[in-house]
Amino acid sequence: MEETQYHIPALLPQTLEGLALRPDGVYVDATFGGGGHSRAILQSLDGEGHLYSFDQDSDAAANAPADPRFTFVYSNFRFLRNFLRYYGVTAVDGILADLGVSFHHFDTPERGFSFRFDGPLDMRMNRNCRRTAAEILNGSDEEALRNLLRTYGELSNAGRLASAIVRRRQSQGPFTDTASLTACVEPLLNPRQAKKELAMIFQALRIEVNDEMGALRDLLQQSVDVLRPGGRLAVITYHSLEDRMVKNFMRTGNIDGERRTDFFGRCEAPMRLLTSRPVVPDEQEILSNPRSRSAKLRVAEKI
């Protein structure tokens, strides 16, 4: 499968620059996907360097390069520390995480990630997991649905949407496909931004199905343990919830952004934020890859 068909990596030159790659370094690509970032990292490594790339989707394994400097880890990146220990790695020089959903997922109807196609309400990155988007829609009460849509979709009309979902369930039976969900919520959307609001609804479900915020929290916390001093953490986010969590952690060393100081008032953050503002795509990249328009790259260095 060609990389351009599976995914186009966002902010590629800026990410490689942020990682400050060493030819003999050991690196982690926490989100392998189509392998675009991974292949670019490998091009910068010599025979002493090594790259460990994580992905929990079995489809991604087909993109793995046959390279002795490369190890594909079929797992969620939230288990980063355990798998590095398994491979005998005590410290790494850099970690990259591109938190965007691959084009492959959005463009494959049977995965259920997009409202553009009719398909099953699945949305699982790891299809070995049991809980699907349909199970969440059909099994959650109105309050849980409202909280989900408000928190992960940042939708101001989350209450009305949750109520409509429950009423539809009661009158017509369980949701089974993306078309049934779209038909249910569309009358409640602002016609001028219906596609944006649909995307936010699907985003909220996807985050819940895959526990994306919990997995990101685990990755960030473990990054401090596995990075060597001077090692870099580069994270590309695509929505404000992720970006806020990453920014808080890089600035303060904790997810909540609480600044902790020692006896002398010095900040105890284990990392130094290198990007005072997030790096974003320029106009040329957005023209060639419109899906990169919401990408934000932040980089930090372990102290």
C-alpha atoms as a PDB file:
ATOM      1  CA  MET A   1       0.000   0.000   0.000  1.00  0.00           C
ATOM      2  CA  GLU A   2       1.411   3.388  -0.962  1.00  0.00           C
ATOM      3  CA  GLU A   3       2.041   5.949   1.722  1.00  0.00           C
ATOM      4  CA  THR A   4       0.035   8.596  -0.136  1.00  0.00           C
ATOM      5  CA  GLN A   5      -2.978   6.296  -0.103  1.00  0.00           C
ATOM      6  CA  TYR A   6      -2.711   5.478   3.591  1.00  0.00           C
ATOM      7  CA  HIS A   7      -1.639   8.803   5.058  1.00  0.00           C
ATOM      8  CA  ILE A   8       0.372  11.947   4.305  1.00  0.00           C
ATOM      9  CA  PRO A   9       2.504  12.894   7.333  1.00  0.00           C
ATOM     10  CA  ALA A  10       1.906  16.418   8.563  1.00  0.00           C
ATOM     11  CA  LEU A  11       4.664  18.896   9.424  1.00  0.00           C
ATOM     12  CA  LEU A  12       7.317  16.363   8.398  1.00  0.00           C
ATOM     13  CA  PRO A  13      10.408  18.643   8.032  1.00  0.00           C
ATOM     14  CA  GLN A  14       9.509  20.580  11.174  1.00  0.00           C
ATOM     15  CA  THR A  15       9.058  17.367  13.169  1.00  0.00           C
ATOM     16  CA  LEU A  16      12.408  15.957  12.065  1.00  0.00           C
ATOM     17  CA  GLU A  17      14.088  19.246  12.949  1.00  0.00           C
ATOM     18  CA  GLY A  18      12.378  19.260  16.344  1.00  0.00           C
ATOM     19  CA  LEU A  19      13.641  15.758  17.148  1.00  0.00           C
ATOM     20  CA  ALA A  20      17.254  16.839  16.438  1.00  0.00           C
ATOM     21  CA  LEU A  21      17.985  13.366  15.073  1.00  0.00           C
ATOM     22  CA  ARG A  22      21.333  11.726  15.751  1.00  0.00           C
ATOM     23  CA  PRO A  23      22.493   9.089  13.246  1.00  0.00           C
ATOM     24  CA  ASP A  24      23.259   6.594  16.026  1.00  0.00           C
ATOM     25  CA  GLY A  25      20.233   7.479  18.147  1.00  0.00           C
ATOM     26  CA  VAL A  26      17.335   5.345  19.351  1.00  0.00           C
ATOM     27  CA  TYR A  27      13.898   6.714  18.559  1.00  0.00           C
ATOM     28  CA  VAL A  28      10.206   5.921  18.966  1.00  0.00           C
ATOM     29  CA  ASP A  29       7.431   6.684  16.500  1.00  0.00           C
ATOM     30  CA  ALA A  30       4.408   6.151  18.732  1.00  0.00           C
ATOM     31  CA  THR A  31       1.935   6.412  15.835  1.00  0.00           C
ATOM     32  CA  PHE A  32       3.295   4.482  12.830  1.00  0.00           C
ATOM     33  CA  GLY A  33       0.201   4.533  10.586  1.00  0.00           C
ATOM     34  CA  GLY A  34       1.330   4.770   6.963  1.00  0.00           C
ATOM     35  CA  GLY A  35       4.961   4.973   8.037  1.00  0.00           C
ATOM     36  CA  GLY A  36       5.735   8.389   6.561  1.00  0.00           C
ATOM     37  CA  HIS A  37       7.402   9.814   9.651  1.00  0.00           C
ATOM     38  CA  SER A  38       9.114   6.507  10.394  1.00  0.00           C
ATOM     39  CA  ARG A  39      10.699   6.211   6.950  1.00  0.00           C
ATOM     40  CA  ALA A  40      11.957   9.787   7.167  1.00  0.00           C
ATOM     41  CA  ILE A  41      13.539   9.074  10.567  1.00  0.00           C
ATOM     42  CA  LEU A  42      15.201   5.920   9.214  1.00  0.00           C
ATOM     43  CA  GLN A  43      16.795   7.949   6.435  1.00  0.00           C
ATOM     44  CA  SER A  44      18.627   9.938   9.125  1.00  0.00           C
ATOM     45  CA  LEU A  45      19.942   6.902  11.025  1.00  0.00           C
ATOM     46  CA  ASP A  46      23.164   4.992  10.424  1.00  0.00           C
ATOM     47  CA  GLY A  47      23.805   1.326  11.194  1.00  0.00           C
ATOM     48  CA  GLU A  48      23.969   2.042  14.935  1.00  0.00           C
ATOM     49  CA  GLY A  49      20.620   3.805  15.139  1.00  0.00           C
ATOM     50  CA  HIS A  50      17.274   2.130  15.712  1.00  0.00           C
ATOM     51  CA  LEU A  51      13.593   3.035  15.468  1.00  0.00           C
ATOM     52  CA  TYR A  52      10.722   1.415  17.370  1.00  0.00           C
ATOM     53  CA  SER A  53       7.328   2.203  15.880  1.00  0.00           C
ATOM     54  CA  PHE A  54       4.026   1.505  17.639  1.00  0.00           C
ATOM     55  CA  ASP A  55       0.591   0.966  16.134  1.00  0.00           C
ATOM     56  CA  GLN A  56      -2.423  -0.895  17.486  1.00  0.00           C
ATOM     57  CA  ASP A  57      -4.114  -1.252  14.077  1.00  0.00           C
ATOM     58  CA  SER A  58      -3.262  -4.460  12.237  1.00  0.00           C
ATOM     59  CA  ASP A  59      -3.683  -2.642   8.894  1.00  0.00           C
ATOM     60  CA  ALA A  60      -0.636  -0.522   9.688  1.00  0.00           C
ATOM     61  CA  ALA A  61       1.627  -3.570   9.901  1.00  0.00           C
ATOM     62  CA  ALA A  62       1.431  -3.930   6.120  1.00  0.00           C
ATOM     63  CA  ASN A  63       3.344  -0.639   5.807  1.00  0.00           C
ATOM     64  CA  ALA A  64       6.289  -1.761   7.982  1.00  0.00           C
ATOM     65  CA  PRO A  65       9.644  -1.505   6.172  1.00  0.00           C
ATOM     66  CA  ALA A  66      11.998  -4.471   6.082  1.00  0.00           C
ATOM     67  CA  ASP A  67      14.961  -2.814   7.753  1.00  0.00           C
ATOM     68  CA  PRO A  68      17.271  -4.200  10.469  1.00  0.00           C
ATOM     69  CA  ARG A  69      17.208  -0.789  12.142  1.00  0.00           C
ATOM     70  CA  PHE A  70      13.428  -0.938  12.499  1.00  0.00           C
ATOM     71  CA  THR A  71      11.099  -2.743  14.930  1.00  0.00           C
ATOM     72  CA  PHE A  72       7.326  -2.648  14.521  1.00  0.00           C
ATOM     73  CA  VAL A  73       5.472  -2.927  17.839  1.00  0.00           C
ATOM     74  CA  TYR A  74       1.866  -4.043  17.417  1.00  0.00           C
ATOM     75  CA  SER A  75       0.468  -2.258  20.459  1.00  0.00           C
ATOM     76  CA  ASN A  76      -1.135   0.902  21.764  1.00  0.00           C
ATOM     77  CA  PHE A  77       1.519   3.486  22.607  1.00  0.00           C
ATOM     78  CA  ARG A  78       0.190   3.644  26.163  1.00  0.00           C
ATOM     79  CA  PHE A  79       2.331   0.538  26.794  1.00  0.00           C
ATOM     80  CA  LEU A  80       5.493   2.298  25.616  1.00  0.00           C
ATOM     81  CA  ARG A  81       7.601   1.668  28.707  1.00  0.00           C
ATOM     82  CA  ASN A  82       6.742  -2.025  28.974  1.00  0.00           C
ATOM     83  CA  PHE A  83       7.576  -2.797  25.371  1.00  0.00           C
ATOM     84  CA  LEU A  84      10.848  -0.874  25.427  1.00  0.00           C
ATOM     85  CA  ARG A  85      11.843  -2.906  28.486  1.00  0.00           C
ATOM     86  CA  TYR A  86      10.880  -6.075  26.591  1.00  0.00           C
ATOM     87  CA  TYR A  87      13.292  -5.105  23.817  1.00  0.00           C
ATOM     88  CA  GLY A  88      16.012  -4.239  26.310  1.00  0.00           C
ATOM     89  CA  VAL A  89      15.860  -0.495  25.711  1.00  0.00           C
ATOM     90  CA  THR A  90      16.606   1.575  28.814  1.00  0.00           C
ATOM     91  CA  ALA A  91      16.489   5.053  27.244  1.00  0.00           C
ATOM     92  CA  VAL A  92      15.694   6.697  23.926  1.00  0.00           C
ATOM     93  CA  ASP A  93      16.800   9.906  22.235  1.00  0.00           C
ATOM     94  CA  GLY A  94      13.439  10.994  20.915  1.00  0.00           C
ATOM     95  CA  ILE A  95       9.730  10.206  20.801  1.00  0.00           C
ATOM     96  CA  LEU A  96       7.315  11.297  18.098  1.00  0.00           C
ATOM     97  CA  ALA A  97       3.521  11.069  18.305  1.00  0.00           C
ATOM     98  CA  ASP A  98       1.312  12.229  15.429  1.00  0.00           C
ATOM     99  CA  LEU A  99      -2.147  12.012  16.998  1.00  0.00           C
ATOM    100  CA  GLY A 100      -4.080  12.450  13.756  1.00  0.00           C
ATOM    101  CA  VAL A 101      -6.309   9.713  12.359  1.00  0.00           C
ATOM    102  CA  SER A 102      -4.882   8.198   9.182  1.00  0.00           C
ATOM    103  CA  PHE A 103      -6.544   8.951   5.854  1.00  0.00           C
ATOM    104  CA  HIS A 104      -6.952   5.175   5.593  1.00  0.00           C
ATOM    105  CA  HIS A 105      -9.337   5.151   8.535  1.00  0.00           C
ATOM    106  CA  PHE A 106     -11.415   8.094   7.363  1.00  0.00           C
ATOM    107  CA  ASP A 107     -11.593   6.762   3.803  1.00  0.00           C
ATOM    108  CA  THR A 108     -12.484   3.139   4.607  1.00  0.00           C
ATOM    109  CA  PRO A 109     -16.275   2.966   5.050  1.00  0.00           C
ATOM    110  CA  GLU A 110     -16.286  -0.322   6.979  1.00  0.00           C
ATOM    111  CA  ARG A 111     -14.207   1.239   9.757  1.00  0.00           C
ATOM    112  CA  GLY A 112     -16.992   3.736  10.521  1.00  0.00           C
ATOM    113  CA  PHE A 113     -14.792   6.763  11.261  1.00  0.00           C
ATOM    114  CA  SER A 114     -16.456   9.188   8.844  1.00  0.00           C
ATOM    115  CA  PHE A 115     -19.969  10.486   8.241  1.00  0.00           C
ATOM    116  CA  ARG A 116     -19.090  10.776   4.552  1.00  0.00           C
ATOM    117  CA  PHE A 117     -19.813   7.079   4.042  1.00  0.00           C
ATOM    118  CA  ASP A 118     -22.439   4.690   5.309  1.00  0.00           C
ATOM    119  CA  GLY A 119     -20.785   1.967   7.328  1.00  0.00           C
ATOM    120  CA  PRO A 120     -20.968   0.190  10.675  1.00  0.00           C
ATOM    121  CA  LEU A 121     -20.612   2.317  13.792  1.00  0.00           C
ATOM    122  CA  ASP A 122     -17.259   0.797  14.700  1.00  0.00           C
ATOM    123  CA  MET A 123     -14.442   3.385  15.111  1.00  0.00           C
ATOM    124  CA  ARG A 124     -12.064   0.963  16.838  1.00  0.00           C
ATOM    125  CA  MET A 125      -8.385   1.557  16.109  1.00  0.00           C
ATOM    126  CA  ASN A 126      -7.683  -1.894  17.504  1.00  0.00           C
ATOM    127  CA  ARG A 127     -10.345  -4.218  16.145  1.00  0.00           C
ATOM    128  CA  ASN A 128      -9.537  -6.782  18.823  1.00  0.00           C
ATOM    129  CA  CYS A 129     -11.138  -4.471  21.375  1.00  0.00           C
ATOM    130  CA  ARG A 130     -14.751  -5.212  22.185  1.00  0.00           C
ATOM    131  CA  ARG A 131     -16.429  -1.805  22.576  1.00  0.00           C
ATOM    132  CA  THR A 132     -17.602  -0.084  19.389  1.00  0.00           C
ATOM    133  CA  ALA A 133     -19.232   3.270  18.751  1.00  0.00           C
ATOM    134  CA  ALA A 134     -22.580   1.485  18.345  1.00  0.00           C
ATOM    135  CA  GLU A 135     -22.270  -0.010  21.819  1.00  0.00           C
ATOM    136  CA  ILE A 136     -21.590   3.415  23.316  1.00  0.00           C
ATOM    137  CA  LEU A 137     -24.510   5.035  21.488  1.00  0.00           C
ATOM    138  CA  ASN A 138     -26.899   2.238  22.389  1.00  0.00           C
ATOM    139  CA  GLY A 139     -25.712   1.522  25.915  1.00  0.00           C
ATOM    140  CA  SER A 140     -25.076   4.960  27.430  1.00  0.00           C
ATOM    141  CA  ASP A 141     -27.770   6.899  29.252  1.00  0.00           C
ATOM    142  CA  GLU A 142     -28.655  10.451  28.304  1.00  0.00           C
ATOM    143  CA  GLU A 143     -26.397  12.075  30.901  1.00  0.00           C
ATOM    144  CA  ALA A 144     -23.390  10.034  29.824  1.00  0.00           C
ATOM    145  CA  LEU A 145     -23.996  10.891  26.176  1.00  0.00           C
ATOM    146  CA  ARG A 146     -24.365  14.582  26.999  1.00  0.00           C
ATOM    147  CA  ASN A 147     -21.077  14.596  28.932  1.00  0.00           C
ATOM    148  CA  LEU A 148     -19.300  12.715  26.160  1.00  0.00           C
ATOM    149  CA  LEU A 149     -20.465  15.099  23.426  1.00  0.00           C
ATOM    150  CA  ARG A 150     -19.743  18.176  25.528  1.00  0.00           C
ATOM    151  CA  THR A 151     -16.320  17.061  26.736  1.00  0.00           C
ATOM    152  CA  TYR A 152     -14.864  15.320  23.690  1.00  0.00           C
ATOM    153  CA  GLY A 153     -16.850  17.055  20.964  1.00  0.00           C
ATOM    154  CA  GLU A 154     -16.992  20.479  22.648  1.00  0.00           C
ATOM    155  CA  LEU A 155     -20.555  20.825  21.354  1.00  0.00           C
ATOM    156  CA  SER A 156     -22.710  23.579  22.845  1.00  0.00           C
ATOM    157  CA  ASN A 157     -25.917  21.682  22.015  1.00  0.00           C
ATOM    158  CA  ALA A 158     -24.725  18.399  23.577  1.00  0.00           C
ATOM    159  CA  GLY A 159     -27.863  18.113  25.709  1.00  0.00           C
ATOM    160  CA  ARG A 160     -30.252  18.347  22.766  1.00  0.00           C
ATOM    161  CA  LEU A 161     -28.181  15.887  20.766  1.00  0.00           C
ATOM    162  CA  ALA A 162     -28.090  13.362  23.599  1.00  0.00           C
ATOM    163  CA  SER A 163     -31.842  13.662  24.075  1.00  0.00           C
ATOM    164  CA  ALA A 164     -32.458  13.103  20.356  1.00  0.00           C
ATOM    165  CA  ILE A 165     -30.229  10.019  20.344  1.00  0.00           C
ATOM    166  CA  VAL A 166     -32.113   8.483  23.267  1.00  0.00           C
ATOM    167  CA  ARG A 167     -35.521   9.246  21.725  1.00  0.00           C
ATOM    168  CA  ARG A 168     -34.483   7.720  18.423  1.00  0.00           C
ATOM    169  CA  ARG A 169     -33.238   4.622  20.237  1.00  0.00           C
ATOM    170  CA  GLN A 170     -36.541   4.235  22.030  1.00  0.00           C
ATOM    171  CA  SER A 171     -38.702   4.696  18.938  1.00  0.00           C
ATOM    172  CA  GLN A 172     -36.661   2.974  16.210  1.00  0.00           C
ATOM    173  CA  GLY A 173     -34.315   0.625  17.994  1.00  0.00           C
ATOM    174  CA  PRO A 174     -30.541   0.600  18.324  1.00  0.00           C
ATOM    175  CA  PHE A 175     -28.128   2.468  16.076  1.00  0.00           C
ATOM    176  CA  THR A 176     -26.194   0.174  13.743  1.00  0.00           C
ATOM    177  CA  ASP A 177     -24.577   2.384  11.104  1.00  0.00           C
ATOM    178  CA  THR A 178     -23.188   5.864  10.502  1.00  0.00           C
ATOM    179  CA  ALA A 179     -26.143   6.864   8.316  1.00  0.00           C
ATOM    180  CA  SER A 180     -28.633   6.283  11.133  1.00  0.00           C
ATOM    181  CA  LEU A 181     -26.618   8.485  13.486  1.00  0.00           C
ATOM    182  CA  THR A 182     -26.233  11.240  10.876  1.00  0.00           C
ATOM    183  CA  ALA A 183     -29.953  11.205  10.101  1.00  0.00           C
ATOM    184  CA  CYS A 184     -30.777  11.470  13.803  1.00  0.00           C
ATOM    185  CA  VAL A 185     -28.581  14.483  14.602  1.00  0.00           C
ATOM    186  CA  GLU A 186     -28.675  16.484  11.360  1.00  0.00           C
ATOM    187  CA  PRO A 187     -31.960  18.325  12.152  1.00  0.00           C
ATOM    188  CA  LEU A 188     -30.284  19.751  15.275  1.00  0.00           C
ATOM    189  CA  LEU A 189     -27.178  21.067  13.524  1.00  0.00           C
ATOM    190  CA  ASN A 190     -26.471  24.570  12.284  1.00  0.00           C
ATOM    191  CA  PRO A 191     -26.877  24.272   8.484  1.00  0.00           C
ATOM    192  CA  ARG A 192     -23.988  26.664   7.924  1.00  0.00           C
ATOM    193  CA  GLN A 193     -21.569  24.413   9.813  1.00  0.00           C
ATOM    194  CA  ALA A 194     -23.276  21.032   9.741  1.00  0.00           C
ATOM    195  CA  LYS A 195     -20.196  19.193   8.471  1.00  0.00           C
ATOM    196  CA  LYS A 196     -18.049  20.674  11.228  1.00  0.00           C
ATOM    197  CA  GLU A 197     -20.537  19.699  13.921  1.00  0.00           C
ATOM    198  CA  LEU A 198     -20.929  16.191  12.487  1.00  0.00           C
ATOM    199  CA  ALA A 199     -17.162  15.850  12.581  1.00  0.00           C
ATOM    200  CA  MET A 200     -17.193  16.887  16.237  1.00  0.00           C
ATOM    201  CA  ILE A 201     -19.844  14.278  17.054  1.00  0.00           C
ATOM    202  CA  PHE A 202     -17.854  11.546  15.335  1.00  0.00           C
ATOM    203  CA  GLN A 203     -14.678  12.800  17.026  1.00  0.00           C
ATOM    204  CA  ALA A 204     -16.287  12.530  20.456  1.00  0.00           C
ATOM    205  CA  LEU A 205     -17.354   8.939  19.828  1.00  0.00           C
ATOM    206  CA  ARG A 206     -13.971   7.973  18.428  1.00  0.00           C
ATOM    207  CA  ILE A 207     -12.134   9.426  21.426  1.00  0.00           C
ATOM    208  CA  GLU A 208     -14.382   7.503  23.799  1.00  0.00           C
ATOM    209  CA  VAL A 209     -14.157   4.208  21.871  1.00  0.00           C
ATOM    210  CA  ASN A 210     -10.358   4.283  21.860  1.00  0.00           C
ATOM    211  CA  ASP A 211      -9.793   6.040  25.212  1.00  0.00           C
ATOM    212  CA  GLU A 212      -7.563   8.445  23.324  1.00  0.00           C
ATOM    213  CA  MET A 213      -7.156  10.959  26.131  1.00  0.00           C
ATOM    214  CA  GLY A 214      -6.250   8.253  28.630  1.00  0.00           C
ATOM    215  CA  ALA A 215      -3.719   6.760  26.231  1.00  0.00           C
ATOM    216  CA  LEU A 216      -2.166  10.186  25.583  1.00  0.00           C
ATOM    217  CA  ARG A 217      -1.914  10.815  29.318  1.00  0.00           C
ATOM    218  CA  ASP A 218      -0.076   7.499  29.755  1.00  0.00           C
ATOM    219  CA  LEU A 219       2.295   8.257  26.876  1.00  0.00           C
ATOM    220  CA  LEU A 220       3.214  11.697  28.169  1.00  0.00           C
ATOM    221  CA  GLN A 221       3.853  10.468  31.695  1.00  0.00           C
ATOM    222  CA  GLN A 222       5.987   7.563  30.492  1.00  0.00           C
ATOM    223  CA  SER A 223       7.975   9.749  28.104  1.00  0.00           C
ATOM    224  CA  VAL A 224       9.821  11.299  31.039  1.00  0.00           C
ATOM    225  CA  ASP A 225      10.890   7.855  32.228  1.00  0.00           C
ATOM    226  CA  VAL A 226      12.184   6.591  28.876  1.00  0.00           C
ATOM    227  CA  LEU A 227      13.801   9.714  27.407  1.00  0.00           C
ATOM    228  CA  ARG A 228      17.456  10.241  28.210  1.00  0.00           C
ATOM    229  CA  PRO A 229      18.519  13.752  29.377  1.00  0.00           C
ATOM    230  CA  GLY A 230      18.495  15.970  26.303  1.00  0.00           C
ATOM    231  CA  GLY A 231      16.063  13.665  24.519  1.00  0.00           C
ATOM    232  CA  ARG A 232      13.222  15.264  22.598  1.00  0.00           C
ATOM    233  CA  LEU A 233       9.454  14.731  22.680  1.00  0.00           C
ATOM    234  CA  ALA A 234       7.562  15.914  19.571  1.00  0.00           C
ATOM    235  CA  VAL A 235       3.766  15.701  19.523  1.00  0.00           C
ATOM    236  CA  ILE A 236       1.388  16.711  16.729  1.00  0.00           C
ATOM    237  CA  THR A 237      -2.178  17.370  17.882  1.00  0.00           C
ATOM    238  CA  TYR A 238      -5.370  18.057  15.932  1.00  0.00           C
ATOM    239  CA  HIS A 239      -7.882  19.352  18.447  1.00  0.00           C
ATOM    240  CA  SER A 240      -7.822  21.576  21.505  1.00  0.00           C
ATOM    241  CA  LEU A 241      -8.257  18.792  24.085  1.00  0.00           C
ATOM    242  CA  GLU A 242      -5.064  17.051  22.967  1.00  0.00           C
ATOM    243  CA  ASP A 243      -3.144  20.290  22.500  1.00  0.00           C
ATOM    244  CA  ARG A 244      -4.036  21.566  25.963  1.00  0.00           C
ATOM    245  CA  MET A 245      -2.896  18.325  27.577  1.00  0.00           C
ATOM    246  CA  VAL A 246       0.393  18.297  25.664  1.00  0.00           C
ATOM    247  CA  LYS A 247       1.093  21.979  26.339  1.00  0.00           C
ATOM    248  CA  ASN A 248       0.378  21.599  30.050  1.00  0.00           C
ATOM    249  CA  PHE A 249       2.616  18.572  30.355  1.00  0.00           C
ATOM    250  CA  MET A 250       5.529  20.077  28.455  1.00  0.00           C
ATOM    251  CA  ARG A 251       5.368  23.277  30.496  1.00  0.00           C
ATOM    252  CA  THR A 252       4.803  21.864  33.963  1.00  0.00           C
ATOM    253  CA  GLY A 253       5.338  18.104  33.861  1.00  0.00           C
ATOM    254  CA  ASN A 254       1.716  17.314  34.705  1.00  0.00           C
ATOM    255  CA  ILE A 255      -1.490  17.049  32.724  1.00  0.00           C
ATOM    256  CA  ASP A 256      -3.401  19.680  34.708  1.00  0.00           C
ATOM    257  CA  GLY A 257      -0.795  22.356  34.076  1.00  0.00           C
ATOM    258  CA  GLU A 258      -0.195  22.939  37.789  1.00  0.00           C
ATOM    259  CA  ARG A 259       3.190  24.594  38.250  1.00  0.00           C
ATOM    260  CA  ARG A 260       5.070  22.871  41.073  1.00  0.00           C
ATOM    261  CA  THR A 261       8.126  24.458  42.625  1.00  0.00           C
ATOM    262  CA  ASP A 262      10.915  23.370  44.919  1.00  0.00           C
ATOM    263  CA  PHE A 263      11.902  25.035  48.208  1.00  0.00           C
ATOM    264  CA  PHE A 264      13.589  27.892  46.304  1.00  0.00           C
ATOM    265  CA  GLY A 265      10.617  28.530  44.025  1.00  0.00           C
ATOM    266  CA  ARG A 266      12.186  26.892  40.976  1.00  0.00           C
ATOM    267  CA  CYS A 267       9.827  25.047  38.651  1.00  0.00           C
ATOM    268  CA  GLU A 268      10.193  21.284  38.982  1.00  0.00           C
ATOM    269  CA  ALA A 269       9.074  20.519  35.421  1.00  0.00           C
ATOM    270  CA  PRO A 270      11.125  17.615  33.996  1.00  0.00           C
ATOM    271  CA  MET A 271      11.049  19.093  30.483  1.00  0.00           C
ATOM    272  CA  ARG A 272      11.888  22.350  28.767  1.00  0.00           C
ATOM    273  CA  LEU A 273       9.362  23.515  26.189  1.00  0.00           C
ATOM    274  CA  LEU A 274      11.186  24.416  22.971  1.00  0.00           C
ATOM    275  CA  THR A 275       8.215  25.774  21.038  1.00  0.00           C
ATOM    276  CA  SER A 276       6.808  28.877  22.704  1.00  0.00           C
ATOM    277  CA  ARG A 277       4.009  28.703  20.158  1.00  0.00           C
ATOM    278  CA  PRO A 278       2.866  25.593  18.316  1.00  0.00           C
ATOM    279  CA  VAL A 279       4.332  24.998  14.864  1.00  0.00           C
ATOM    280  CA  VAL A 280       1.544  24.928  12.258  1.00  0.00           C
ATOM    281  CA  PRO A 281       1.464  24.126   8.527  1.00  0.00           C
ATOM    282  CA  ASP A 282       2.142  26.903   6.057  1.00  0.00           C
ATOM    283  CA  GLU A 283      -0.211  27.749   3.197  1.00  0.00           C
ATOM    284  CA  GLN A 284       1.649  25.531   0.750  1.00  0.00           C
ATOM    285  CA  GLU A 285       1.316  22.445   2.945  1.00  0.00           C
ATOM    286  CA  ILE A 286      -2.375  23.117   3.569  1.00  0.00           C
ATOM    287  CA  LEU A 287      -2.962  23.429  -0.185  1.00  0.00           C
ATOM    288  CA  SER A 288      -1.214  20.128  -0.881  1.00  0.00           C
ATOM    289  CA  ASN A 289      -2.656  18.382   2.188  1.00  0.00           C
ATOM    290  CA  PRO A 290      -5.867  20.099   3.410  1.00  0.00           C
ATOM    291  CA  ARG A 291      -6.235  17.609   6.264  1.00  0.00           C
ATOM    292  CA  SER A 292      -3.114  19.056   7.871  1.00  0.00           C
ATOM    293  CA  ARG A 293      -4.756  22.438   8.474  1.00  0.00           C
ATOM    294  CA  SER A 294      -5.526  21.783  12.153  1.00  0.00           C
ATOM    295  CA  ALA A 295      -2.144  20.188  12.970  1.00  0.00           C
ATOM    296  CA  LYS A 296      -0.080  21.720  15.783  1.00  0.00           C
ATOM    297  CA  LEU A 297       3.430  20.563  16.659  1.00  0.00           C
ATOM    298  CA  ARG A 298       4.944  21.089  20.095  1.00  0.00           C
ATOM    299  CA  VAL A 299       8.445  19.994  21.080  1.00  0.00           C
ATOM    300  CA  ALA A 300      10.080  19.645  24.489  1.00  0.00           C
ATOM    301  CA  GLU A 301      13.464  18.460  25.744  1.00  0.00           C
ATOM    302  CA  LYS A 302      14.047  16.412  28.858  1.00  0.00           C
ATOM    303  CA  ILE A 303      16.164  18.292  31.372  1.00  0.00           C
END
